[in-house]
Amino acid sequence: MRKRNIRYTICFNSNESQVLINNSQKCGMSKGAVIRNLVNGFIPREAPPVEYFELLRQLRIFNNNLNQIARQANSQGLLDAPKIRKEVENIRELEKFIHSAFNPKKEVL
């Protein structure tokens, strides 16, 4: 059985319709989902670009590398300073790229 079995017919002018279509595309949601979110008091935001997820993956790799270095240092009592410097520099470069590529964006609606 359908969860949503109550239907409403809503009339829009061409400008309102275009705004709804554009916002739903930016959010990666259906038009109905955008309207339901608004009714429930949520303002849908623009979906992040595909590159965002790749950057998160890279950041996780760098963090995993640092974690392995820390485990090795803990177990052996030695720190590998060049490895740590290299990983910290990689993280700093990635952080700069993220800040330059993904400035805070305004909400869609």
C-alpha atoms as a PDB file:
ATOM      1  CA  MET A   1       0.000   0.000   0.000  1.00  0.00           C
ATOM      2  CA  ARG A   2       1.216   3.499  -0.829  1.00  0.00           C
ATOM      3  CA  LYS A   3       2.429   5.672   2.026  1.00  0.00           C
ATOM      4  CA  ARG A   4       1.158   8.808   0.357  1.00  0.00           C
ATOM      5  CA  ASN A   5      -2.353   8.276  -0.865  1.00  0.00           C
ATOM      6  CA  ILE A   6      -3.712  11.832  -0.595  1.00  0.00           C
ATOM      7  CA  ARG A   7      -3.317  13.833  -3.788  1.00  0.00           C
ATOM      8  CA  TYR A   8      -3.413  17.597  -4.309  1.00  0.00           C
ATOM      9  CA  THR A   9      -3.559  19.463  -7.573  1.00  0.00           C
ATOM     10  CA  ILE A  10      -1.528  22.668  -7.510  1.00  0.00           C
ATOM     11  CA  CYS A  11      -1.512  25.296 -10.223  1.00  0.00           C
ATOM     12  CA  PHE A  12       1.648  27.267 -11.004  1.00  0.00           C
ATOM     13  CA  ASN A  13       2.361  30.043 -13.446  1.00  0.00           C
ATOM     14  CA  SER A  14       5.289  29.529 -15.831  1.00  0.00           C
ATOM     15  CA  ASN A  15       7.787  31.387 -13.597  1.00  0.00           C
ATOM     16  CA  GLU A  16       6.842  29.419 -10.478  1.00  0.00           C
ATOM     17  CA  SER A  17       6.971  26.173 -12.409  1.00  0.00           C
ATOM     18  CA  GLN A  18      10.435  26.972 -13.752  1.00  0.00           C
ATOM     19  CA  VAL A  19      11.694  27.862 -10.257  1.00  0.00           C
ATOM     20  CA  LEU A  20      10.388  24.540  -8.911  1.00  0.00           C
ATOM     21  CA  ILE A  21      11.973  22.605 -11.776  1.00  0.00           C
ATOM     22  CA  ASN A  22      15.333  24.389 -11.355  1.00  0.00           C
ATOM     23  CA  ASN A  23      15.360  23.888  -7.582  1.00  0.00           C
ATOM     24  CA  SER A  24      14.457  20.228  -7.848  1.00  0.00           C
ATOM     25  CA  GLN A  25      17.289  19.671 -10.335  1.00  0.00           C
ATOM     26  CA  LYS A  26      19.806  21.525  -8.144  1.00  0.00           C
ATOM     27  CA  CYS A  27      18.783  19.502  -5.098  1.00  0.00           C
ATOM     28  CA  GLY A  28      18.705  16.196  -6.961  1.00  0.00           C
ATOM     29  CA  MET A  29      15.148  15.638  -5.736  1.00  0.00           C
ATOM     30  CA  SER A  30      11.792  15.223  -7.414  1.00  0.00           C
ATOM     31  CA  LYS A  31       9.434  18.175  -7.524  1.00  0.00           C
ATOM     32  CA  GLY A  32       7.129  16.399  -5.089  1.00  0.00           C
ATOM     33  CA  ALA A  33       9.992  15.782  -2.668  1.00  0.00           C
ATOM     34  CA  VAL A  34      10.943  19.468  -2.748  1.00  0.00           C
ATOM     35  CA  ILE A  35       7.357  20.498  -1.989  1.00  0.00           C
ATOM     36  CA  ARG A  36       7.034  17.894   0.802  1.00  0.00           C
ATOM     37  CA  ASN A  37      10.275  19.129   2.376  1.00  0.00           C
ATOM     38  CA  LEU A  38       9.023  22.712   2.297  1.00  0.00           C
ATOM     39  CA  VAL A  39       5.690  21.695   3.841  1.00  0.00           C
ATOM     40  CA  ASN A  40       7.593  19.917   6.636  1.00  0.00           C
ATOM     41  CA  GLY A  41       9.672  23.022   7.332  1.00  0.00           C
ATOM     42  CA  PHE A  42      12.919  21.909   5.663  1.00  0.00           C
ATOM     43  CA  ILE A  43      14.667  24.070   3.109  1.00  0.00           C
ATOM     44  CA  PRO A  44      16.307  21.803   0.520  1.00  0.00           C
ATOM     45  CA  ARG A  45      19.904  22.665  -0.311  1.00  0.00           C
ATOM     46  CA  GLU A  46      21.856  22.277  -3.478  1.00  0.00           C
ATOM     47  CA  ALA A  47      23.340  18.816  -3.895  1.00  0.00           C
ATOM     48  CA  PRO A  48      27.146  18.773  -3.707  1.00  0.00           C
ATOM     49  CA  PRO A  49      29.051  18.302  -6.965  1.00  0.00           C
ATOM     50  CA  VAL A  50      30.509  14.920  -7.839  1.00  0.00           C
ATOM     51  CA  GLU A  51      34.041  16.158  -7.091  1.00  0.00           C
ATOM     52  CA  TYR A  52      33.052  16.679  -3.460  1.00  0.00           C
ATOM     53  CA  PHE A  53      32.770  12.936  -2.877  1.00  0.00           C
ATOM     54  CA  GLU A  54      36.132  12.266  -4.537  1.00  0.00           C
ATOM     55  CA  LEU A  55      37.752  14.844  -2.256  1.00  0.00           C
ATOM     56  CA  LEU A  56      36.183  13.214   0.775  1.00  0.00           C
ATOM     57  CA  ARG A  57      37.593   9.877  -0.367  1.00  0.00           C
ATOM     58  CA  GLN A  58      41.071  11.393  -0.707  1.00  0.00           C
ATOM     59  CA  LEU A  59      40.807  12.971   2.725  1.00  0.00           C
ATOM     60  CA  ARG A  60      39.862   9.612   4.241  1.00  0.00           C
ATOM     61  CA  ILE A  61      42.896   8.017   2.586  1.00  0.00           C
ATOM     62  CA  PHE A  62      45.209  10.656   4.068  1.00  0.00           C
ATOM     63  CA  ASN A  63      43.631  10.258   7.494  1.00  0.00           C
ATOM     64  CA  ASN A  64      44.007   6.497   7.281  1.00  0.00           C
ATOM     65  CA  ASN A  65      47.695   6.912   6.403  1.00  0.00           C
ATOM     66  CA  LEU A  66      48.229   9.185   9.405  1.00  0.00           C
ATOM     67  CA  ASN A  67      46.427   6.696  11.616  1.00  0.00           C
ATOM     68  CA  GLN A  68      48.716   3.878  10.422  1.00  0.00           C
ATOM     69  CA  ILE A  69      51.787   6.023  11.097  1.00  0.00           C
ATOM     70  CA  ALA A  70      50.498   6.781  14.600  1.00  0.00           C
ATOM     71  CA  ARG A  71      49.842   3.087  15.291  1.00  0.00           C
ATOM     72  CA  GLN A  72      53.325   2.171  14.115  1.00  0.00           C
ATOM     73  CA  ALA A  73      54.851   4.914  16.275  1.00  0.00           C
ATOM     74  CA  ASN A  74      52.842   3.729  19.255  1.00  0.00           C
ATOM     75  CA  SER A  75      53.842   0.092  18.880  1.00  0.00           C
ATOM     76  CA  GLN A  76      57.526   0.684  18.084  1.00  0.00           C
ATOM     77  CA  GLY A  77      58.064   3.862  20.056  1.00  0.00           C
ATOM     78  CA  LEU A  78      59.482   5.574  16.938  1.00  0.00           C
ATOM     79  CA  LEU A  79      58.105   8.380  14.817  1.00  0.00           C
ATOM     80  CA  ASP A  80      58.785   8.544  11.089  1.00  0.00           C
ATOM     81  CA  ALA A  81      58.957  12.335  10.762  1.00  0.00           C
ATOM     82  CA  PRO A  82      59.316  12.461   6.939  1.00  0.00           C
ATOM     83  CA  LYS A  83      56.182  10.330   6.464  1.00  0.00           C
ATOM     84  CA  ILE A  84      54.228  12.479   8.874  1.00  0.00           C
ATOM     85  CA  ARG A  85      55.369  15.712   7.203  1.00  0.00           C
ATOM     86  CA  LYS A  86      54.427  14.352   3.789  1.00  0.00           C
ATOM     87  CA  GLU A  87      50.934  13.304   4.895  1.00  0.00           C
ATOM     88  CA  VAL A  88      50.312  16.571   6.736  1.00  0.00           C
ATOM     89  CA  GLU A  89      51.373  18.508   3.632  1.00  0.00           C
ATOM     90  CA  ASN A  90      49.030  16.382   1.483  1.00  0.00           C
ATOM     91  CA  ILE A  91      46.158  17.138   3.842  1.00  0.00           C
ATOM     92  CA  ARG A  92      46.953  20.869   3.803  1.00  0.00           C
ATOM     93  CA  GLU A  93      47.008  20.933  -0.007  1.00  0.00           C
ATOM     94  CA  LEU A  94      43.702  19.092  -0.149  1.00  0.00           C
ATOM     95  CA  GLU A  95      42.208  21.452   2.419  1.00  0.00           C
ATOM     96  CA  LYS A  96      43.264  24.491   0.348  1.00  0.00           C
ATOM     97  CA  PHE A  97      41.773  22.939  -2.776  1.00  0.00           C
ATOM     98  CA  ILE A  98      38.499  22.180  -1.019  1.00  0.00           C
ATOM     99  CA  HIS A  99      38.235  25.746   0.251  1.00  0.00           C
ATOM    100  CA  SER A 100      38.956  27.216  -3.167  1.00  0.00           C
ATOM    101  CA  ALA A 101      36.664  24.849  -5.062  1.00  0.00           C
ATOM    102  CA  PHE A 102      33.714  24.766  -2.695  1.00  0.00           C
ATOM    103  CA  ASN A 103      33.020  28.228  -1.336  1.00  0.00           C
ATOM    104  CA  PRO A 104      30.009  28.248   0.944  1.00  0.00           C
ATOM    105  CA  LYS A 105      26.974  28.178  -1.290  1.00  0.00           C
ATOM    106  CA  LYS A 106      23.637  29.748  -0.623  1.00  0.00           C
ATOM    107  CA  GLU A 107      20.541  27.652  -0.108  1.00  0.00           C
ATOM    108  CA  VAL A 108      18.619  26.937  -3.270  1.00  0.00           C
ATOM    109  CA  LEU A 109      15.292  28.330  -2.152  1.00  0.00           C
END
